[in-house]
PDB file of N, CA and C in Angstrom:
ATOM      1  N   MET A   1      -1.613   8.695  19.005  1.00  0.00           N
ATOM      2  CA  MET A   1      -1.032   8.181  17.775  1.00  0.00           C
ATOM      3  C   MET A   1      -0.590   9.378  16.916  1.00  0.00           C
ATOM      4  N   ARG A   2       0.552   9.240  16.281  1.00  0.00           N
ATOM      5  CA  ARG A   2       1.074  10.351  15.488  1.00  0.00           C
ATOM      6  C   ARG A   2       0.293  10.525  14.190  1.00  0.00           C
ATOM      7  N   GLU A   3       0.413  11.707  13.636  1.00  0.00           N
ATOM      8  CA  GLU A   3      -0.264  12.038  12.369  1.00  0.00           C
ATOM      9  C   GLU A   3       0.298  11.190  11.225  1.00  0.00           C
ATOM     10  N   ILE A   4      -0.525  10.908  10.267  1.00  0.00           N
ATOM     11  CA  ILE A   4      -0.107  10.118   9.104  1.00  0.00           C
ATOM     12  C   ILE A   4       0.714  11.013   8.162  1.00  0.00           C
ATOM     13  N   SER A   5       1.805  10.464   7.631  1.00  0.00           N
ATOM     14  CA  SER A   5       2.676  11.227   6.726  1.00  0.00           C
ATOM     15  C   SER A   5       2.084  11.255   5.316  1.00  0.00           C
ATOM     16  N   GLU A   6       2.641  12.124   4.489  1.00  0.00           N
ATOM     17  CA  GLU A   6       2.185  12.216   3.095  1.00  0.00           C
ATOM     18  C   GLU A   6       2.384  10.885   2.371  1.00  0.00           C
ATOM     19  N   ARG A   7       3.508  10.247   2.598  1.00  0.00           N
ATOM     20  CA  ARG A   7       3.768   8.942   1.964  1.00  0.00           C
ATOM     21  C   ARG A   7       2.747   7.915   2.434  1.00  0.00           C
ATOM     22  N   GLU A   8       2.456   7.920   3.744  1.00  0.00           N
ATOM     23  CA  GLU A   8       1.476   6.980   4.283  1.00  0.00           C
ATOM     24  C   GLU A   8       0.074   7.287   3.759  1.00  0.00           C
ATOM     25  N   ARG A   9      -0.182   8.498   3.368  1.00  0.00           N
ATOM     26  CA  ARG A   9      -1.468   8.885   2.795  1.00  0.00           C
ATOM     27  C   ARG A   9      -1.562   8.452   1.322  1.00  0.00           C
ATOM     28  N   ARG A  10      -0.426   8.535   0.613  1.00  0.00           N
ATOM     29  CA  ARG A  10      -0.423   8.201  -0.817  1.00  0.00           C
ATOM     30  C   ARG A  10      -0.637   6.713  -1.074  1.00  0.00           C
ATOM     31  N   ILE A  11      -0.100   5.865  -0.222  1.00  0.00           N
ATOM     32  CA  ILE A  11      -0.184   4.420  -0.466  1.00  0.00           C
ATOM     33  C   ILE A  11      -1.628   3.910  -0.406  1.00  0.00           C
ATOM     34  N   PRO A  12      -2.408   4.194   0.634  1.00  0.00           N
ATOM     35  CA  PRO A  12      -3.809   3.742   0.612  1.00  0.00           C
ATOM     36  C   PRO A  12      -4.600   4.338  -0.556  1.00  0.00           C
ATOM     37  N   HIS A  13      -4.300   5.581  -0.907  1.00  0.00           N
ATOM     38  CA  HIS A  13      -4.958   6.201  -2.062  1.00  0.00           C
ATOM     39  C   HIS A  13      -4.631   5.403  -3.332  1.00  0.00           C
ATOM     40  N   CYS A  14      -3.361   5.048  -3.482  1.00  0.00           N
ATOM     41  CA  CYS A  14      -2.923   4.236  -4.626  1.00  0.00           C
ATOM     42  C   CYS A  14      -3.663   2.901  -4.656  1.00  0.00           C
ATOM     43  N   ILE A  15      -3.761   2.241  -3.507  1.00  0.00           N
ATOM     44  CA  ILE A  15      -4.446   0.943  -3.433  1.00  0.00           C
ATOM     45  C   ILE A  15      -5.904   1.091  -3.834  1.00  0.00           C
ATOM     46  N   ARG A  16      -6.581   2.109  -3.307  1.00  0.00           N
ATOM     47  CA  ARG A  16      -7.985   2.358  -3.624  1.00  0.00           C
ATOM     48  C   ARG A  16      -8.185   2.590  -5.123  1.00  0.00           C
ATOM     49  N   GLU A  17      -7.341   3.442  -5.698  1.00  0.00           N
ATOM     50  CA  GLU A  17      -7.438   3.758  -7.125  1.00  0.00           C
ATOM     51  C   GLU A  17      -7.132   2.534  -7.987  1.00  0.00           C
ATOM     52  N   TRP A  18      -6.112   1.776  -7.596  1.00  0.00           N
ATOM     53  CA  TRP A  18      -5.718   0.591  -8.373  1.00  0.00           C
ATOM     54  C   TRP A  18      -6.865  -0.419  -8.421  1.00  0.00           C
ATOM     55  N   ILE A  19      -7.475  -0.674  -7.263  1.00  0.00           N
ATOM     56  CA  ILE A  19      -8.584  -1.630  -7.210  1.00  0.00           C
ATOM     57  C   ILE A  19      -9.748  -1.131  -8.060  1.00  0.00           C
ATOM     58  N   ALA A  20     -10.035   0.158  -7.994  1.00  0.00           N
ATOM     59  CA  ALA A  20     -11.121   0.724  -8.798  1.00  0.00           C
ATOM     60  C   ALA A  20     -10.835   0.586 -10.293  1.00  0.00           C
ATOM     61  N   ASP A  21      -9.587   0.805 -10.683  1.00  0.00           N
ATOM     62  CA  ASP A  21      -9.221   0.751 -12.105  1.00  0.00           C
ATOM     63  C   ASP A  21      -9.025  -0.658 -12.641  1.00  0.00           C
ATOM     64  N   HIS A  22      -8.495  -1.567 -11.815  1.00  0.00           N
ATOM     65  CA  HIS A  22      -8.103  -2.893 -12.296  1.00  0.00           C
ATOM     66  C   HIS A  22      -8.926  -4.050 -11.727  1.00  0.00           C
ATOM     67  N   GLY A  23      -9.714  -3.795 -10.704  1.00  0.00           N
ATOM     68  CA  GLY A  23     -10.539  -4.848 -10.125  1.00  0.00           C
ATOM     69  C   GLY A  23      -9.794  -5.831  -9.250  1.00  0.00           C
ATOM     70  N   GLU A  24      -8.560  -5.536  -8.916  1.00  0.00           N
ATOM     71  CA  GLU A  24      -7.763  -6.384  -8.035  1.00  0.00           C
ATOM     72  C   GLU A  24      -6.737  -5.514  -7.320  1.00  0.00           C
ATOM     73  N   SER A  25      -6.173  -6.042  -6.260  1.00  0.00           N
ATOM     74  CA  SER A  25      -5.181  -5.297  -5.488  1.00  0.00           C
ATOM     75  C   SER A  25      -3.871  -5.174  -6.260  1.00  0.00           C
ATOM     76  N   PRO A  26      -3.123  -4.097  -6.023  1.00  0.00           N
ATOM     77  CA  PRO A  26      -1.818  -3.972  -6.668  1.00  0.00           C
ATOM     78  C   PRO A  26      -0.778  -4.838  -5.967  1.00  0.00           C
ATOM     79  N   THR A  27       0.274  -5.161  -6.683  1.00  0.00           N
ATOM     80  CA  THR A  27       1.410  -5.833  -6.071  1.00  0.00           C
ATOM     81  C   THR A  27       2.290  -4.782  -5.396  1.00  0.00           C
ATOM     82  N   VAL A  28       3.244  -5.227  -4.613  1.00  0.00           N
ATOM     83  CA  VAL A  28       4.182  -4.302  -3.967  1.00  0.00           C
ATOM     84  C   VAL A  28       4.943  -3.507  -5.026  1.00  0.00           C
ATOM     85  N   LEU A  29       5.366  -4.147  -6.095  1.00  0.00           N
ATOM     86  CA  LEU A  29       6.080  -3.459  -7.168  1.00  0.00           C
ATOM     87  C   LEU A  29       5.197  -2.393  -7.825  1.00  0.00           C
ATOM     88  N   GLU A  30       3.948  -2.710  -8.061  1.00  0.00           N
ATOM     89  CA  GLU A  30       3.035  -1.739  -8.666  1.00  0.00           C
ATOM     90  C   GLU A  30       2.813  -0.533  -7.752  1.00  0.00           C
ATOM     91  N   ILE A  31       2.725  -0.782  -6.450  1.00  0.00           N
ATOM     92  CA  ILE A  31       2.600   0.321  -5.499  1.00  0.00           C
ATOM     93  C   ILE A  31       3.863   1.163  -5.514  1.00  0.00           C
ATOM     94  N   SER A  32       5.037   0.508  -5.515  1.00  0.00           N
ATOM     95  CA  SER A  32       6.317   1.225  -5.547  1.00  0.00           C
ATOM     96  C   SER A  32       6.363   2.187  -6.719  1.00  0.00           C
ATOM     97  N   ARG A  33       6.018   1.699  -7.877  1.00  0.00           N
ATOM     98  CA  ARG A  33       6.053   2.528  -9.087  1.00  0.00           C
ATOM     99  C   ARG A  33       5.029   3.658  -9.023  1.00  0.00           C
ATOM    100  N   ALA A  34       3.842   3.366  -8.524  1.00  0.00           N
ATOM    101  CA  ALA A  34       2.769   4.359  -8.501  1.00  0.00           C
ATOM    102  C   ALA A  34       3.043   5.515  -7.546  1.00  0.00           C
ATOM    103  N   VAL A  35       3.706   5.236  -6.427  1.00  0.00           N
ATOM    104  CA  VAL A  35       3.940   6.294  -5.436  1.00  0.00           C
ATOM    105  C   VAL A  35       5.363   6.837  -5.486  1.00  0.00           C
ATOM    106  N   GLY A  36       6.198   6.294  -6.385  1.00  0.00           N
ATOM    107  CA  GLY A  36       7.537   6.833  -6.568  1.00  0.00           C
ATOM    108  C   GLY A  36       8.563   6.401  -5.540  1.00  0.00           C
ATOM    109  N   LEU A  37       8.377   5.234  -4.938  1.00  0.00           N
ATOM    110  CA  LEU A  37       9.392   4.709  -4.021  1.00  0.00           C
ATOM    111  C   LEU A  37      10.439   3.956  -4.838  1.00  0.00           C
ATOM    112  N   SER A  38      11.677   4.039  -4.395  1.00  0.00           N
ATOM    113  CA  SER A  38      12.784   3.512  -5.194  1.00  0.00           C
ATOM    114  C   SER A  38      12.940   1.997  -5.135  1.00  0.00           C
ATOM    115  N   SER A  39      12.371   1.361  -4.115  1.00  0.00           N
ATOM    116  CA  SER A  39      12.549  -0.087  -4.021  1.00  0.00           C
ATOM    117  C   SER A  39      11.311  -0.743  -3.416  1.00  0.00           C
ATOM    118  N   THR A  40      11.165  -2.027  -3.702  1.00  0.00           N
ATOM    119  CA  THR A  40      10.059  -2.772  -3.110  1.00  0.00           C
ATOM    120  C   THR A  40      10.287  -2.969  -1.616  1.00  0.00           C
ATOM    121  N   GLY A  41      11.544  -2.960  -1.191  1.00  0.00           N
ATOM    122  CA  GLY A  41      11.844  -3.055   0.241  1.00  0.00           C
ATOM    123  C   GLY A  41      11.303  -1.855   0.998  1.00  0.00           C
ATOM    124  N   SER A  42      11.489  -0.666   0.439  1.00  0.00           N
ATOM    125  CA  SER A  42      10.944   0.560   1.048  1.00  0.00           C
ATOM    126  C   SER A  42       9.428   0.491   1.100  1.00  0.00           C
ATOM    127  N   THR A  43       8.843  -0.004   0.029  1.00  0.00           N
ATOM    128  CA  THR A  43       7.391  -0.112  -0.032  1.00  0.00           C
ATOM    129  C   THR A  43       6.894  -1.125   0.988  1.00  0.00           C
ATOM    130  N   ALA A  44       7.552  -2.266   1.094  1.00  0.00           N
ATOM    131  CA  ALA A  44       7.156  -3.287   2.068  1.00  0.00           C
ATOM    132  C   ALA A  44       7.238  -2.735   3.491  1.00  0.00           C
ATOM    133  N   TYR A  45       8.257  -1.939   3.770  1.00  0.00           N
ATOM    134  CA  TYR A  45       8.396  -1.314   5.082  1.00  0.00           C
ATOM    135  C   TYR A  45       7.205  -0.387   5.353  1.00  0.00           C
ATOM    136  N   GLN A  46       6.863   0.447   4.385  1.00  0.00           N
ATOM    137  CA  GLN A  46       5.728   1.366   4.532  1.00  0.00           C
ATOM    138  C   GLN A  46       4.415   0.593   4.695  1.00  0.00           C
ATOM    139  N   LEU A  47       4.254  -0.482   3.951  1.00  0.00           N
ATOM    140  CA  LEU A  47       3.050  -1.308   4.069  1.00  0.00           C
ATOM    141  C   LEU A  47       2.952  -1.927   5.461  1.00  0.00           C
ATOM    142  N   GLY A  48       4.078  -2.355   6.000  1.00  0.00           N
ATOM    143  CA  GLY A  48       4.100  -2.905   7.359  1.00  0.00           C
ATOM    144  C   GLY A  48       3.649  -1.880   8.385  1.00  0.00           C
ATOM    145  N   LYS A  49       4.121  -0.640   8.230  1.00  0.00           N
ATOM    146  CA  LYS A  49       3.709   0.430   9.139  1.00  0.00           C
ATOM    147  C   LYS A  49       2.209   0.698   9.027  1.00  0.00           C
ATOM    148  N   LEU A  50       1.701   0.721   7.801  1.00  0.00           N
ATOM    149  CA  LEU A  50       0.270   0.942   7.591  1.00  0.00           C
ATOM    150  C   LEU A  50      -0.561  -0.207   8.152  1.00  0.00           C
ATOM    151  N   GLN A  51      -0.043  -1.420   8.039  1.00  0.00           N
ATOM    152  CA  GLN A  51      -0.750  -2.583   8.569  1.00  0.00           C
ATOM    153  C   GLN A  51      -0.792  -2.514  10.094  1.00  0.00           C
ATOM    154  N   GLN A  52       0.301  -2.121  10.728  1.00  0.00           N
ATOM    155  CA  GLN A  52       0.326  -1.978  12.184  1.00  0.00           C
ATOM    156  C   GLN A  52      -0.673  -0.945  12.670  1.00  0.00           C
ATOM    157  N   ARG A  53      -0.889   0.079  11.881  1.00  0.00           N
ATOM    158  CA  ARG A  53      -1.838   1.136  12.240  1.00  0.00           C
ATOM    159  C   ARG A  53      -3.278   0.774  11.893  1.00  0.00           C
ATOM    160  N   GLY A  54      -3.481  -0.387  11.245  1.00  0.00           N
ATOM    161  CA  GLY A  54      -4.824  -0.840  10.911  1.00  0.00           C
ATOM    162  C   GLY A  54      -5.418  -0.176   9.683  1.00  0.00           C
ATOM    163  N   LEU A  55      -4.570   0.461   8.852  1.00  0.00           N
ATOM    164  CA  LEU A  55      -5.070   1.141   7.661  1.00  0.00           C
ATOM    165  C   LEU A  55      -5.174   0.213   6.454  1.00  0.00           C
ATOM    166  N   ILE A  56      -4.361  -0.827   6.431  1.00  0.00           N
ATOM    167  CA  ILE A  56      -4.439  -1.834   5.371  1.00  0.00           C
ATOM    168  C   ILE A  56      -4.417  -3.216   6.002  1.00  0.00           C
ATOM    169  N   CYS A  57      -4.855  -4.192   5.241  1.00  0.00           N
ATOM    170  CA  CYS A  57      -4.806  -5.597   5.650  1.00  0.00           C
ATOM    171  C   CYS A  57      -4.075  -6.359   4.554  1.00  0.00           C
ATOM    172  N   ARG A  58      -3.275  -7.331   4.957  1.00  0.00           N
ATOM    173  CA  ARG A  58      -2.553  -8.158   3.977  1.00  0.00           C
ATOM    174  C   ARG A  58      -2.657  -9.615   4.365  1.00  0.00           C
ATOM    175  N   ASP A  59      -2.773 -10.442   3.358  1.00  0.00           N
ATOM    176  CA  ASP A  59      -2.721 -11.889   3.501  1.00  0.00           C
ATOM    177  C   ASP A  59      -1.537 -12.365   2.677  1.00  0.00           C
ATOM    178  N   ARG A  60      -1.339 -13.642   2.636  1.00  0.00           N
ATOM    179  CA  ARG A  60      -0.299 -14.165   1.758  1.00  0.00           C
ATOM    180  C   ARG A  60      -0.772 -14.059   0.317  1.00  0.00           C
ATOM    181  N   GLY A  61       0.158 -13.883  -0.583  1.00  0.00           N
ATOM    182  CA  GLY A  61      -0.200 -13.837  -1.996  1.00  0.00           C
ATOM    183  C   GLY A  61       0.223 -12.539  -2.641  1.00  0.00           C
ATOM    184  N   TRP A  62       0.289 -12.554  -3.958  1.00  0.00           N
ATOM    185  CA  TRP A  62       0.762 -11.409  -4.734  1.00  0.00           C
ATOM    186  C   TRP A  62      -0.162 -10.215  -4.625  1.00  0.00           C
ATOM    187  N   ARG A  63      -1.436 -10.443  -4.678  1.00  0.00           N
ATOM    188  CA  ARG A  63      -2.407  -9.352  -4.737  1.00  0.00           C
ATOM    189  C   ARG A  63      -3.361  -9.407  -3.546  1.00  0.00           C
ATOM    190  N   SER A  64      -2.789  -9.393  -2.368  1.00  0.00           N
ATOM    191  CA  SER A  64      -3.608  -9.564  -1.161  1.00  0.00           C
ATOM    192  C   SER A  64      -3.693  -8.305  -0.313  1.00  0.00           C
ATOM    193  N   ILE A  65      -3.191  -7.181  -0.799  1.00  0.00           N
ATOM    194  CA  ILE A  65      -3.218  -5.934  -0.045  1.00  0.00           C
ATOM    195  C   ILE A  65      -4.578  -5.265  -0.257  1.00  0.00           C
ATOM    196  N   ARG A  66      -5.221  -4.904   0.838  1.00  0.00           N
ATOM    197  CA  ARG A  66      -6.522  -4.230   0.734  1.00  0.00           C
ATOM    198  C   ARG A  66      -6.656  -3.223   1.872  1.00  0.00           C
ATOM    199  N   LEU A  67      -7.601  -2.323   1.717  1.00  0.00           N
ATOM    200  CA  LEU A  67      -7.882  -1.350   2.765  1.00  0.00           C
ATOM    201  C   LEU A  67      -8.766  -2.024   3.807  1.00  0.00           C
ATOM    202  N   CYS A  68      -8.539  -1.716   5.070  1.00  0.00           N
ATOM    203  CA  CYS A  68      -9.342  -2.305   6.152  1.00  0.00           C
ATOM    204  C   CYS A  68     -10.552  -1.442   6.446  1.00  0.00           C
TER     205      CYS A  68
END
């Protein structure tokens, strides 16, 4: 498996910090803003890659992103 990129490292860190600070998972838009991605589409793509690698888990819903 290839090494994780800096962007792929920042997103789980953002999720961890957001949950610690707010008590709930961030939305895709909140992640986009926190890590400096220009669109929610880019963020959704990155989240999909992280989910395939087993680094995050997602269910349906606005705030369903969590670390696995």
